PDB file of N, CA and C in Angstrom:
ATOM      1  N   MET A   1       0.681  -1.422   0.233  1.00  0.00           N
ATOM      2  CA  MET A   1       0.047   0.048  -0.012  1.00  0.00           C
ATOM      3  C   MET A   1       0.940   1.321  -0.204  1.00  0.00           C
ATOM      4  N   ARG A   2       1.828   1.581   0.906  1.00  0.00           N
ATOM      5  CA  ARG A   2       2.702   2.378   0.670  1.00  0.00           C
ATOM      6  C   ARG A   2       3.314   2.928  -0.516  1.00  0.00           C
ATOM      7  N   LYS A   3       3.805   2.097  -1.064  1.00  0.00           N
ATOM      8  CA  LYS A   3       4.414   2.004  -2.440  1.00  0.00           C
ATOM      9  C   LYS A   3       3.421   2.379  -3.612  1.00  0.00           C
ATOM     10  N   GLN A   4       2.264   2.191  -3.440  1.00  0.00           N
ATOM     11  CA  GLN A   4       1.261   2.552  -4.160  1.00  0.00           C
ATOM     12  C   GLN A   4       0.753   3.738  -4.049  1.00  0.00           C
ATOM     13  N   ARG A   5       0.932   4.580  -2.550  1.00  0.00           N
ATOM     14  CA  ARG A   5       0.744   5.756  -2.180  1.00  0.00           C
ATOM     15  C   ARG A   5       1.620   7.268  -2.816  1.00  0.00           C
ATOM     16  N   ASN A   6       3.002   6.532  -2.405  1.00  0.00           N
ATOM     17  CA  ASN A   6       3.963   6.789  -2.518  1.00  0.00           C
ATOM     18  C   ASN A   6       4.274   7.408  -4.450  1.00  0.00           C
ATOM     19  N   ILE A   7       3.798   6.263  -5.096  1.00  0.00           N
ATOM     20  CA  ILE A   7       3.675   6.510  -6.499  1.00  0.00           C
ATOM     21  C   ILE A   7       2.629   7.460  -7.024  1.00  0.00           C
ATOM     22  N   ASN A   8       1.486   7.328  -6.700  1.00  0.00           N
ATOM     23  CA  ASN A   8       0.368   8.054  -6.475  1.00  0.00           C
ATOM     24  C   ASN A   8       1.048   9.836  -5.738  1.00  0.00           C
ATOM     25  N   ASP A   9       1.777  10.318  -5.251  1.00  0.00           N
ATOM     26  CA  ASP A   9       2.261  11.219  -4.372  1.00  0.00           C
ATOM     27  C   ASP A   9       2.733  12.086  -5.360  1.00  0.00           C
ATOM     28  N   TYR A  10       4.080  11.213  -5.788  1.00  0.00           N
ATOM     29  CA  TYR A  10       5.096  11.798  -6.699  1.00  0.00           C
ATOM     30  C   TYR A  10       4.448  12.010  -7.970  1.00  0.00           C
ATOM     31  N   GLU A  11       3.792  10.976  -8.988  1.00  0.00           N
ATOM     32  CA  GLU A  11       3.704  10.264 -10.328  1.00  0.00           C
ATOM     33  C   GLU A  11       1.931  11.056 -10.629  1.00  0.00           C
ATOM     34  N   GLY A  12       1.614  11.206  -9.727  1.00  0.00           N
ATOM     35  CA  GLY A  12       0.321  11.373  -9.876  1.00  0.00           C
ATOM     36  C   GLY A  12      -0.789  10.242 -10.272  1.00  0.00           C
ATOM     37  N   ASP A  13       0.397   9.027 -10.538  1.00  0.00           N
ATOM     38  CA  ASP A  13      -0.816   7.916 -10.903  1.00  0.00           C
ATOM     39  C   ASP A  13      -2.082   7.529  -9.949  1.00  0.00           C
ATOM     40  N   PRO A  14      -3.547   7.218 -10.492  1.00  0.00           N
ATOM     41  CA  PRO A  14      -4.534   7.028  -9.512  1.00  0.00           C
ATOM     42  C   PRO A  14      -4.424   5.837  -8.653  1.00  0.00           C
ATOM     43  N   ILE A  15      -5.122   5.869  -8.029  1.00  0.00           N
ATOM     44  CA  ILE A  15      -4.723   4.459  -7.114  1.00  0.00           C
ATOM     45  C   ILE A  15      -6.302   3.915  -7.445  1.00  0.00           C
ATOM     46  N   SER A  16      -6.027   2.502  -7.777  1.00  0.00           N
ATOM     47  CA  SER A  16      -7.197   1.566  -8.241  1.00  0.00           C
ATOM     48  C   SER A  16      -7.970   1.577  -7.011  1.00  0.00           C
ATOM     49  N   ASP A  17      -9.460   1.535  -7.552  1.00  0.00           N
ATOM     50  CA  ASP A  17     -10.426   1.071  -6.449  1.00  0.00           C
ATOM     51  C   ASP A  17     -10.520   0.136  -6.141  1.00  0.00           C
ATOM     52  N   GLN A  18      -9.907  -0.979  -6.611  1.00  0.00           N
ATOM     53  CA  GLN A  18      -9.545  -2.195  -5.572  1.00  0.00           C
ATOM     54  C   GLN A  18      -8.283  -2.380  -4.817  1.00  0.00           C
ATOM     55  N   ALA A  19      -7.444  -1.542  -4.707  1.00  0.00           N
ATOM     56  CA  ALA A  19      -6.679  -1.013  -3.759  1.00  0.00           C
ATOM     57  C   ALA A  19      -6.657  -0.597  -2.605  1.00  0.00           C
ATOM     58  N   VAL A  20      -7.948   0.592  -3.574  1.00  0.00           N
ATOM     59  CA  VAL A  20      -8.541   0.965  -1.293  1.00  0.00           C
ATOM     60  C   VAL A  20      -9.569   0.382  -0.842  1.00  0.00           C
ATOM     61  N   ILE A  21     -10.133  -0.781  -2.027  1.00  0.00           N
ATOM     62  CA  ILE A  21     -10.910  -1.851  -1.331  1.00  0.00           C
ATOM     63  C   ILE A  21     -10.336  -2.457  -0.537  1.00  0.00           C
ATOM     64  N   GLU A  22      -9.305  -2.828  -0.527  1.00  0.00           N
ATOM     65  CA  GLU A  22      -8.600  -3.516  -0.062  1.00  0.00           C
ATOM     66  C   GLU A  22      -7.741  -3.066   1.371  1.00  0.00           C
ATOM     67  N   CYS A  23      -7.337  -1.965   1.180  1.00  0.00           N
ATOM     68  CA  CYS A  23      -6.830  -1.072   2.312  1.00  0.00           C
ATOM     69  C   CYS A  23      -7.724  -1.075   3.352  1.00  0.00           C
ATOM     70  N   ILE A  24      -9.265  -0.595   2.793  1.00  0.00           N
ATOM     71  CA  ILE A  24     -10.050  -0.311   4.410  1.00  0.00           C
ATOM     72  C   ILE A  24     -10.719  -1.657   4.405  1.00  0.00           C
ATOM     73  N   LYS A  25     -10.619  -2.954   3.890  1.00  0.00           N
ATOM     74  CA  LYS A  25     -10.552  -4.370   4.369  1.00  0.00           C
ATOM     75  C   LYS A  25      -9.119  -4.454   5.528  1.00  0.00           C
ATOM     76  N   GLN A  26      -8.540  -3.973   5.073  1.00  0.00           N
ATOM     77  CA  GLN A  26      -7.160  -4.540   5.883  1.00  0.00           C
ATOM     78  C   GLN A  26      -7.026  -3.171   7.268  1.00  0.00           C
ATOM     79  N   ALA A  27      -7.663  -2.008   7.478  1.00  0.00           N
ATOM     80  CA  ALA A  27      -7.893  -1.014   8.232  1.00  0.00           C
ATOM     81  C   ALA A  27      -8.960  -1.405   9.500  1.00  0.00           C
ATOM     82  N   GLU A  28     -10.184  -2.503   8.787  1.00  0.00           N
ATOM     83  CA  GLU A  28     -10.895  -3.068   9.371  1.00  0.00           C
ATOM     84  C   GLU A  28     -10.565  -3.868  10.439  1.00  0.00           C
ATOM     85  N   GLN A  29      -9.852  -4.763   9.806  1.00  0.00           N
ATOM     86  CA  GLN A  29      -9.491  -5.535  10.298  1.00  0.00           C
ATOM     87  C   GLN A  29      -8.349  -5.256  11.331  1.00  0.00           C
ATOM     88  N   LEU A  30      -7.461  -4.629  11.677  1.00  0.00           N
ATOM     89  CA  LEU A  30      -6.517  -4.280  12.509  1.00  0.00           C
ATOM     90  C   LEU A  30      -7.328  -3.500  13.166  1.00  0.00           C
ATOM     91  N   TYR A  31      -8.170  -2.216  13.311  1.00  0.00           N
ATOM     92  CA  TYR A  31      -9.358  -2.181  14.068  1.00  0.00           C
ATOM     93  C   TYR A  31      -9.619  -3.112  15.085  1.00  0.00           C
ATOM     94  N   GLN A  32     -10.193  -4.493  14.734  1.00  0.00           N
ATOM     95  CA  GLN A  32     -11.067  -5.346  15.535  1.00  0.00           C
ATOM     96  C   GLN A  32     -10.042  -5.910  16.062  1.00  0.00           C
ATOM     97  N   VAL A  33      -8.593  -6.444  16.009  1.00  0.00           N
ATOM     98  CA  VAL A  33      -7.605  -6.828  16.552  1.00  0.00           C
ATOM     99  C   VAL A  33      -7.387  -5.947  17.517  1.00  0.00           C
ATOM    100  N   VAL A  34      -6.945  -4.530  17.214  1.00  0.00           N
ATOM    101  CA  VAL A  34      -6.455  -3.890  18.542  1.00  0.00           C
ATOM    102  C   VAL A  34      -7.874  -2.996  19.632  1.00  0.00           C
ATOM    103  N   TYR A  35      -8.928  -3.410  18.794  1.00  0.00           N
ATOM    104  CA  TYR A  35      -9.706  -2.844  19.964  1.00  0.00           C
ATOM    105  C   TYR A  35     -10.365  -4.550  20.842  1.00  0.00           C
ATOM    106  N   SER A  36     -10.197  -5.084  20.532  1.00  0.00           N
ATOM    107  CA  SER A  36     -10.139  -6.789  21.153  1.00  0.00           C
ATOM    108  C   SER A  36      -9.003  -6.836  21.970  1.00  0.00           C
ATOM    109  N   TRP A  37      -7.398  -6.464  21.986  1.00  0.00           N
ATOM    110  CA  TRP A  37      -6.716  -6.299  22.526  1.00  0.00           C
ATOM    111  C   TRP A  37      -6.922  -4.995  23.816  1.00  0.00           C
ATOM    112  N   ILE A  38      -7.133  -4.170  23.426  1.00  0.00           N
ATOM    113  CA  ILE A  38      -7.653  -3.246  24.516  1.00  0.00           C
ATOM    114  C   ILE A  38      -8.797  -3.503  25.543  1.00  0.00           C
ATOM    115  N   ALA A  39      -9.807  -4.301  24.654  1.00  0.00           N
ATOM    116  CA  ALA A  39     -10.888  -4.655  25.222  1.00  0.00           C
ATOM    117  C   ALA A  39     -10.401  -5.530  26.815  1.00  0.00           C
ATOM    118  N   ASP A  40      -9.279  -6.481  25.886  1.00  0.00           N
ATOM    119  CA  ASP A  40      -9.294  -7.495  27.115  1.00  0.00           C
ATOM    120  C   ASP A  40      -8.245  -7.312  28.085  1.00  0.00           C
ATOM    121  N   ASN A  41      -6.837  -6.196  27.885  1.00  0.00           N
ATOM    122  CA  ASN A  41      -6.045  -5.646  28.355  1.00  0.00           C
ATOM    123  C   ASN A  41      -6.183  -4.453  29.267  1.00  0.00           C
ATOM    124  N   ARG A  42      -7.082  -3.507  28.849  1.00  0.00           N
ATOM    125  CA  ARG A  42      -7.260  -1.952  29.460  1.00  0.00           C
ATOM    126  C   ARG A  42      -7.881  -2.060  29.025  1.00  0.00           C
ATOM    127  N   PRO A  43      -9.633  -2.555  29.952  1.00  0.00           N
ATOM    128  CA  PRO A  43     -10.623  -2.546  30.029  1.00  0.00           C
ATOM    129  C   PRO A  43     -11.343  -1.005  30.177  1.00  0.00           C
ATOM    130  N   ASP A  44     -10.016  -0.540  31.028  1.00  0.00           N
ATOM    131  CA  ASP A  44     -10.870   0.852  30.745  1.00  0.00           C
ATOM    132  C   ASP A  44     -10.455   1.817  30.413  1.00  0.00           C
ATOM    133  N   LEU A  45     -10.070   1.495  29.232  1.00  0.00           N
ATOM    134  CA  LEU A  45      -9.905   2.324  27.829  1.00  0.00           C
ATOM    135  C   LEU A  45     -11.051   1.832  26.732  1.00  0.00           C
ATOM    136  N   ALA A  46     -11.525   0.952  26.910  1.00  0.00           N
ATOM    137  CA  ALA A  46     -12.425   0.480  25.725  1.00  0.00           C
ATOM    138  C   ALA A  46     -13.763   0.901  25.983  1.00  0.00           C
ATOM    139  N   SER A  47     -14.495   1.825  25.391  1.00  0.00           N
ATOM    140  CA  SER A  47     -15.950   1.958  25.226  1.00  0.00           C
ATOM    141  C   SER A  47     -16.424   1.210  24.388  1.00  0.00           C
ATOM    142  N   ASN A  48     -17.980   1.138  25.198  1.00  0.00           N
ATOM    143  CA  ASN A  48     -18.704   0.662  24.322  1.00  0.00           C
ATOM    144  C   ASN A  48     -19.336   0.256  23.704  1.00  0.00           C
ATOM    145  N   GLU A  49     -18.854   1.342  22.238  1.00  0.00           N
ATOM    146  CA  GLU A  49     -19.413   2.127  20.740  1.00  0.00           C
ATOM    147  C   GLU A  49     -18.623   1.734  20.247  1.00  0.00           C
ATOM    148  N   LYS A  50     -18.409   1.134  18.828  1.00  0.00           N
ATOM    149  CA  LYS A  50     -17.457   1.032  17.892  1.00  0.00           C
ATOM    150  C   LYS A  50     -17.599   1.241  17.239  1.00  0.00           C
TER     151      LYS A  50
END
């Protein structure tokens, strides 16, 4: 993802829709992992809203 973003930043090449969809999917998965860890290890920091 970083390489594609850098190419876009420096050369103006557009990022494909599929790359954006994959990035969002990975970000959502990361959010779930981090939120679960916080809920398990620091429940004082976890809110009830997602």
